N, C-alpha and C. Protein backbone atom coordinates (compact mmCIF):
# COMPACT_ATOMS: atom_id res chain seq x y z
N UNK A 1 5.17 23.34 9.34
CA UNK A 1 3.95 23.24 8.96
C UNK A 1 3.02 22.84 10.37
N UNK A 2 2.82 23.65 11.14
CA UNK A 2 1.83 22.89 12.38
C UNK A 2 0.68 22.08 11.80
N UNK A 3 0.09 21.18 13.13
CA UNK A 3 -0.93 20.36 12.77
C UNK A 3 -2.43 21.33 12.36
N UNK A 4 -2.24 22.47 12.80
CA UNK A 4 -3.76 23.21 12.56
C UNK A 4 -3.21 23.77 11.04
N UNK A 5 -2.26 24.22 10.87
CA UNK A 5 -2.02 25.14 9.66
C UNK A 5 -2.06 23.80 8.42
N UNK A 6 -1.55 22.49 8.75
CA UNK A 6 -1.89 21.02 8.00
C UNK A 6 -3.40 20.81 7.70
N UNK A 7 -4.37 20.86 8.88
CA UNK A 7 -5.52 20.54 9.21
C UNK A 7 -6.33 22.05 8.19
N UNK A 8 -5.84 22.96 8.16
CA UNK A 8 -6.97 24.26 7.64
C UNK A 8 -6.44 23.88 6.21
N UNK A 9 -4.87 24.02 5.59
CA UNK A 9 -4.91 23.50 4.12
C UNK A 9 -5.78 22.32 3.49
N UNK A 10 -5.84 21.51 4.30
CA UNK A 10 -6.54 20.20 3.33
C UNK A 10 -7.80 20.76 3.42
N UNK A 11 -8.44 21.41 4.28
CA UNK A 11 -9.72 21.60 4.41
C UNK A 11 -10.05 22.68 3.24
N UNK A 12 -9.35 24.07 3.20
CA UNK A 12 -9.46 24.93 2.08
C UNK A 12 -9.44 24.00 0.70
N UNK A 13 -8.32 23.30 0.85
CA UNK A 13 -8.16 22.51 -0.65
C UNK A 13 -9.19 21.89 -1.37
N UNK A 14 -9.79 21.20 -0.20
CA UNK A 14 -11.04 20.07 -0.50
C UNK A 14 -12.15 20.78 -0.55
N UNK A 15 -12.26 21.57 0.51
CA UNK A 15 -14.07 22.09 0.47
C UNK A 15 -14.21 21.22 1.71
N UNK A 16 -13.84 20.47 2.00
CA UNK A 16 -14.37 19.73 3.03
C UNK A 16 -13.75 19.59 4.67
N UNK A 17 -14.59 19.62 5.37
CA UNK A 17 -14.58 20.10 6.94
C UNK A 17 -14.75 19.17 7.97
N UNK A 18 -15.40 17.85 7.37
CA UNK A 18 -15.72 16.91 8.31
C UNK A 18 -15.00 15.55 9.12
N UNK A 19 -13.71 15.85 9.28
CA UNK A 19 -12.84 14.63 9.51
C UNK A 19 -11.74 15.31 10.69
N UNK A 20 -11.47 14.38 11.34
CA UNK A 20 -10.15 14.35 12.48
C UNK A 20 -8.71 14.29 11.81
N UNK A 21 -8.06 14.81 12.02
CA UNK A 21 -6.51 14.74 11.47
C UNK A 21 -5.64 14.47 12.90
N UNK A 22 -5.07 13.47 12.87
CA UNK A 22 -4.10 13.57 13.84
C UNK A 22 -2.60 13.36 13.38
N UNK A 23 -2.02 13.78 13.78
CA UNK A 23 -0.21 13.81 13.21
C UNK A 23 0.35 13.67 14.49
N UNK A 24 0.70 11.89 14.43
CA UNK A 24 1.81 11.58 15.04
C UNK A 24 3.20 11.69 15.28
N UNK A 25 4.31 11.91 16.28
CA UNK A 25 5.39 11.75 16.27
C UNK A 25 5.91 10.47 16.38
N UNK A 26 5.49 9.70 15.63
CA UNK A 26 5.73 8.05 15.91
C UNK A 26 6.43 7.55 14.46
N UNK A 27 6.89 6.61 14.27
CA UNK A 27 7.14 5.84 13.28
C UNK A 27 6.19 4.58 12.93
N UNK A 28 5.88 4.15 11.86
CA UNK A 28 4.94 2.99 11.54
C UNK A 28 5.84 2.69 10.33
N UNK A 29 6.34 0.92 10.82
CA UNK A 29 6.86 0.51 9.80
C UNK A 29 6.19 0.32 8.86
N UNK A 30 4.84 0.25 8.46
CA UNK A 30 4.01 -0.30 7.25
C UNK A 30 3.47 0.67 6.93
N UNK A 31 3.10 1.88 7.18
CA UNK A 31 1.89 2.86 7.16
C UNK A 31 2.92 4.56 7.14
N UNK A 32 2.50 5.23 6.33
CA UNK A 32 2.63 6.70 6.68
C UNK A 32 1.33 7.30 7.39
N UNK A 33 0.23 6.62 6.97
CA UNK A 33 -0.94 7.16 6.97
C UNK A 33 -1.85 6.01 7.02
N UNK A 34 -3.03 6.29 7.87
CA UNK A 34 -3.98 5.22 7.66
C UNK A 34 -5.55 6.16 7.87
N UNK A 35 -6.38 5.70 7.34
CA UNK A 35 -8.04 6.51 7.32
C UNK A 35 -9.23 5.34 8.03
N UNK A 36 -9.21 5.74 9.01
CA UNK A 36 -10.51 5.19 9.98
C UNK A 36 -12.17 5.55 9.61
N UNK A 37 -12.67 4.94 8.32
CA UNK A 37 -13.91 5.30 8.06
C UNK A 37 -15.05 5.68 8.80
N UNK A 38 -15.19 4.89 9.74
CA UNK A 38 -16.41 4.68 10.62
C UNK A 38 -16.48 6.68 11.58
N UNK A 39 -15.17 6.53 12.07
CA UNK A 39 -14.82 7.46 12.60
C UNK A 39 -14.30 8.93 11.79
N UNK A 40 -13.98 8.75 10.62
CA UNK A 40 -13.75 9.96 10.00
C UNK A 40 -12.19 10.42 10.01
N UNK A 41 -11.31 9.40 10.77
CA UNK A 41 -10.30 10.22 11.42
C UNK A 41 -9.08 9.68 10.49
N UNK A 42 -8.08 10.43 10.38
CA UNK A 42 -7.07 10.33 9.42
C UNK A 42 -5.81 10.20 10.38
N UNK A 43 -5.00 9.62 10.34
CA UNK A 43 -4.16 9.14 11.27
C UNK A 43 -2.51 9.42 10.44
N UNK A 44 -1.53 10.18 10.82
CA UNK A 44 -0.34 10.38 9.64
C UNK A 44 0.87 10.19 10.63
N UNK A 45 1.95 9.62 10.49
CA UNK A 45 2.85 8.79 11.14
C UNK A 45 3.82 9.78 10.44
N UNK A 46 4.59 10.91 11.54
CA UNK A 46 5.46 11.70 10.52
C UNK A 46 6.86 11.59 10.83
N UNK A 47 7.20 10.46 11.68
CA UNK A 47 8.85 10.05 11.70
C UNK A 47 8.99 8.71 10.84
N UNK A 48 10.49 8.94 10.59
CA UNK A 48 11.05 7.58 9.67
C UNK A 48 11.86 7.21 10.37
N UNK A 49 12.07 5.67 9.41
CA UNK A 49 13.11 5.21 10.87
C UNK A 49 13.89 5.36 11.75
N UNK A 50 14.53 6.22 11.11
CA UNK A 50 15.80 6.79 11.69
C UNK A 50 15.31 8.20 12.71
N UNK A 51 13.66 8.33 13.12
CA UNK A 51 13.52 9.34 14.05
C UNK A 51 13.38 10.58 13.51
N UNK A 52 13.73 11.04 12.33
CA UNK A 52 13.74 12.24 11.68
C UNK A 52 12.68 12.33 10.93
N UNK A 53 11.87 13.74 10.98
CA UNK A 53 10.62 14.23 10.57
C UNK A 53 10.54 13.71 8.86
N UNK A 54 9.35 13.49 8.42
CA UNK A 54 9.40 13.02 7.19
C UNK A 54 9.26 14.32 6.15
N UNK A 55 9.50 14.40 5.10
CA UNK A 55 9.33 15.97 4.31
C UNK A 55 8.08 16.40 4.19
N UNK A 56 8.48 17.93 4.13
CA UNK A 56 6.67 18.41 3.62
C UNK A 56 6.13 17.91 2.60
N UNK A 57 6.84 17.41 1.67
CA UNK A 57 6.47 16.74 0.16
C UNK A 57 5.54 15.47 0.30
N UNK A 58 6.49 14.68 1.33
CA UNK A 58 5.94 13.52 1.86
C UNK A 58 4.82 13.44 2.92
N UNK A 59 4.44 14.37 3.60
CA UNK A 59 3.45 14.86 4.51
C UNK A 59 2.06 14.90 3.74
N UNK A 60 2.47 16.37 3.09
CA UNK A 60 1.23 16.53 1.89
C UNK A 60 0.71 15.05 1.33
N UNK A 61 1.73 14.49 0.49
CA UNK A 61 1.35 13.57 -0.26
C UNK A 61 0.19 12.55 0.71
N UNK A 62 1.02 12.36 1.87
CA UNK A 62 0.03 11.26 2.59
C UNK A 62 -1.11 11.81 3.13
N UNK A 63 -0.99 13.04 3.38
CA UNK A 63 -2.45 13.55 3.69
C UNK A 63 -3.57 13.82 2.96
N UNK A 64 -3.37 13.84 1.81
CA UNK A 64 -4.14 13.97 0.83
C UNK A 64 -4.40 12.73 0.27
N UNK A 65 -3.50 11.68 0.55
CA UNK A 65 -3.75 10.17 -0.15
C UNK A 65 -5.01 9.74 1.08
N UNK A 66 -5.01 10.16 2.50
CA UNK A 66 -5.81 9.73 3.31
C UNK A 66 -6.97 10.59 3.39
N UNK A 67 -6.88 12.12 2.86
CA UNK A 67 -8.09 12.58 2.85
C UNK A 67 -8.64 12.05 1.80
N UNK A 68 -8.51 11.67 0.34
CA UNK A 68 -8.96 11.31 -0.82
C UNK A 68 -9.93 9.96 -0.53
N UNK A 69 -9.31 9.41 0.76
CA UNK A 69 -10.23 8.06 1.13
C UNK A 69 -11.33 8.60 2.02
N UNK A 70 -11.09 9.87 2.66
CA UNK A 70 -12.36 10.41 3.17
C UNK A 70 -13.74 10.75 2.51
N UNK A 71 -12.64 11.45 1.43
CA UNK A 71 -13.99 11.70 0.51
C UNK A 71 -14.59 10.79 -0.27
N UNK A 72 -13.85 9.83 -0.64
CA UNK A 72 -14.24 8.34 -1.38
C UNK A 72 -15.50 7.73 -0.38
N UNK A 73 -15.22 7.56 0.67
CA UNK A 73 -16.21 6.99 1.59
C UNK A 73 -17.13 7.78 2.03
N UNK A 74 -17.27 9.20 2.26
CA UNK A 74 -18.13 9.78 2.87
C UNK A 74 -18.67 10.86 1.77
N UNK A 75 -18.24 11.11 0.88
CA UNK A 75 -18.48 12.58 -0.25
C UNK A 75 -18.84 12.55 -1.44
N UNK A 76 -18.92 11.19 -1.90
CA UNK A 76 -19.39 10.67 -3.52
C UNK A 76 -20.64 10.46 -3.44
N UNK A 77 -21.67 11.08 -3.74
CA UNK A 77 -22.98 10.77 -3.99
C UNK A 77 -23.37 9.52 -4.46
N UNK A 78 -24.20 8.44 -4.10
CA UNK A 78 -24.64 7.54 -4.76
C UNK A 78 -23.36 6.31 -5.69
N UNK A 79 -22.31 6.46 -4.32
CA UNK A 79 -21.20 5.53 -4.90
C UNK A 79 -21.11 4.67 -3.67
N UNK A 80 -20.37 3.41 -3.68
CA UNK A 80 -20.33 2.39 -2.97
C UNK A 80 -18.94 2.03 -3.45
N UNK A 81 -18.20 2.17 -2.18
CA UNK A 81 -16.50 1.76 -2.14
C UNK A 81 -16.23 0.25 -2.73
N UNK A 82 -15.91 0.10 -4.03
CA UNK A 82 -15.44 -1.25 -4.43
C UNK A 82 -13.96 -1.93 -3.91
N UNK A 83 -13.46 -1.14 -3.97
CA UNK A 83 -12.11 -1.19 -2.90
C UNK A 83 -11.27 0.30 -2.62
N UNK A 84 -10.51 0.04 -1.41
CA UNK A 84 -9.84 1.35 -1.18
C UNK A 84 -9.08 1.96 -2.44
N UNK A 85 -8.11 1.27 -3.09
CA UNK A 85 -7.82 2.36 -4.01
C UNK A 85 -8.00 2.18 -5.67
N UNK A 86 -9.87 2.08 -5.80
CA UNK A 86 -10.54 1.96 -6.90
C UNK A 86 -10.14 3.15 -7.73
N UNK A 87 -10.78 3.14 -8.76
CA UNK A 87 -10.91 4.06 -9.86
C UNK A 87 -11.38 5.83 -9.41
N UNK A 88 -12.31 5.54 -8.21
CA UNK A 88 -12.81 7.11 -7.87
C UNK A 88 -11.85 7.55 -6.80
N UNK A 89 -10.95 6.27 -5.96
CA UNK A 89 -10.33 6.95 -5.15
C UNK A 89 -9.05 7.70 -6.08
N UNK A 90 -8.66 6.75 -7.17
CA UNK A 90 -7.52 7.60 -7.91
C UNK A 90 -8.05 8.85 -8.16
N UNK A 91 -9.19 9.03 -8.87
CA UNK A 91 -9.76 10.37 -9.65
C UNK A 91 -9.53 11.22 -8.27
N UNK A 92 -9.99 10.87 -7.15
CA UNK A 92 -10.18 12.13 -6.20
C UNK A 92 -8.69 12.40 -5.47
N UNK A 93 -7.80 11.62 -5.46
CA UNK A 93 -6.27 11.72 -5.10
C UNK A 93 -5.91 12.54 -6.32
N UNK A 94 -5.85 11.84 -7.21
CA UNK A 94 -5.24 13.25 -8.29
C UNK A 94 -5.81 14.34 -8.27
N UNK A 95 -7.05 14.71 -8.46
CA UNK A 95 -7.45 16.14 -8.00
C UNK A 95 -7.25 16.72 -7.57
N UNK A 96 -6.76 15.91 -6.09
CA UNK A 96 -6.26 16.56 -4.95
C UNK A 96 -4.89 17.15 -5.28
N UNK A 97 -4.04 16.00 -5.67
CA UNK A 97 -2.70 16.87 -5.61
C UNK A 97 -2.58 17.65 -7.19
N UNK A 98 -3.21 17.94 -8.17
CA UNK A 98 -2.95 18.50 -8.91
C UNK A 98 -3.34 20.13 -8.58
N UNK A 99 -4.70 20.01 -7.85
CA UNK A 99 -5.05 21.08 -6.61
C UNK A 99 -3.87 21.67 -6.03
N UNK A 100 -3.33 20.79 -5.36
CA UNK A 100 -2.10 21.18 -4.15
C UNK A 100 -1.16 22.04 -4.99
N UNK A 101 -0.74 20.98 -6.00
CA UNK A 101 0.77 21.51 -6.63
C UNK A 101 0.38 22.34 -7.84
N UNK A 102 -0.88 22.93 -8.13
CA UNK A 102 -1.37 24.06 -8.81
C UNK A 102 -0.59 23.09 -10.36
N UNK A 103 -1.24 21.76 -10.88
CA UNK A 103 -0.67 21.07 -11.85
C UNK A 103 1.00 20.80 -11.91
N UNK A 104 1.75 21.33 -11.14
CA UNK A 104 3.13 20.80 -11.07
C UNK A 104 3.62 19.77 -10.21
N UNK A 105 2.99 18.68 -10.14
CA UNK A 105 3.59 17.69 -9.27
C UNK A 105 4.93 17.43 -9.15
N UNK A 106 5.54 17.52 -8.10
CA UNK A 106 7.16 17.04 -8.11
C UNK A 106 7.75 15.78 -9.02
N UNK A 107 8.29 15.74 -9.45
CA UNK A 107 8.80 14.32 -10.00
C UNK A 107 9.02 13.10 -8.87
N UNK A 108 9.23 13.48 -8.10
CA UNK A 108 9.46 12.16 -7.02
C UNK A 108 8.10 11.85 -6.18
N UNK A 109 7.13 12.80 -6.08
CA UNK A 109 5.80 12.44 -5.91
C UNK A 109 5.40 11.61 -7.09
N UNK A 110 5.46 12.35 -8.09
CA UNK A 110 4.80 11.44 -9.52
C UNK A 110 5.11 9.98 -9.50
N UNK A 111 6.69 9.82 -9.67
CA UNK A 111 7.36 8.57 -9.22
C UNK A 111 6.97 7.51 -8.77
N UNK A 112 6.88 7.90 -7.37
CA UNK A 112 5.94 7.25 -6.53
C UNK A 112 4.62 6.90 -6.64
N UNK A 113 3.52 7.80 -6.79
CA UNK A 113 2.54 7.15 -7.13
C UNK A 113 2.22 6.55 -8.29
N UNK A 114 2.91 6.77 -9.48
CA UNK A 114 2.96 5.63 -10.68
C UNK A 114 3.57 4.59 -10.34
N UNK A 115 4.33 4.30 -9.19
CA UNK A 115 4.95 2.85 -8.91
C UNK A 115 3.83 2.14 -8.50
N UNK A 116 2.75 2.77 -7.61
CA UNK A 116 1.87 1.79 -6.82
C UNK A 116 0.62 2.11 -7.67
N UNK A 117 0.44 2.74 -8.95
CA UNK A 117 -0.39 2.66 -9.77
C UNK A 117 -1.96 3.55 -9.30
N UNK A 118 -1.58 4.78 -8.50
CA UNK A 118 -2.43 5.46 -7.52
C UNK A 118 -3.01 6.74 -8.16
N UNK A 119 -2.48 6.89 -9.53
CA UNK A 119 -2.78 7.92 -10.07
C UNK A 119 -3.38 8.08 -11.57
N UNK A 120 -4.46 8.18 -12.13
CA UNK A 120 -4.92 8.19 -13.32
C UNK A 120 -4.20 9.30 -14.34
N UNK A 121 -4.22 8.65 -15.79
CA UNK A 121 -3.55 9.22 -16.63
C UNK A 121 -4.81 10.40 -17.41
N UNK A 122 -4.09 11.41 -18.09
CA UNK A 122 -2.92 11.56 -18.18
C UNK A 122 -2.75 12.36 -17.05
N UNK A 123 -1.25 12.45 -17.31
CA UNK A 123 -0.29 13.12 -16.32
C UNK A 123 -0.19 14.60 -16.73
N UNK A 124 -0.98 15.64 -15.72
CA UNK A 124 -0.33 16.96 -15.92
C UNK A 124 1.43 17.47 -15.78
N UNK A 125 1.28 18.32 -16.30
CA UNK A 125 2.85 18.82 -16.49
C UNK A 125 4.03 18.68 -14.72
N UNK A 126 4.91 18.17 -15.01
CA UNK A 126 5.77 17.90 -13.88
C UNK A 126 6.61 19.16 -13.45
N UNK A 127 7.30 19.01 -12.30
CA UNK A 127 8.36 19.78 -12.13
C UNK A 127 9.50 19.04 -12.56
N UNK A 128 10.73 19.77 -12.72
CA UNK A 128 11.96 19.52 -12.84
C UNK A 128 13.05 19.35 -11.98
């Protein structure tokens, strides 16, 4: 998936077009992605520690996570962000994941998201 295809997919899925996305051919030991609210910029690090690219599911999950932050900060009317991963973020992220995967979120993605408490119950159906 090219950077343009990724951006277009995120914009079409969310209906939000006022963000920048940079996909870097780098490894970041702390984060797969970052969001910078003042400049509406999403940065994705697409290499693993071994220098190989992350898989498409990980790329999408990370992009949706950062896009959820953008929506949380700039597109929820009369809402003040309490913390980066507050309940509003979790709802937005869950909605984006369900839309992207059409309700069939892969088990490996669900397991990781649940592990970090970044998804609200009840869960939609899972892929086997």
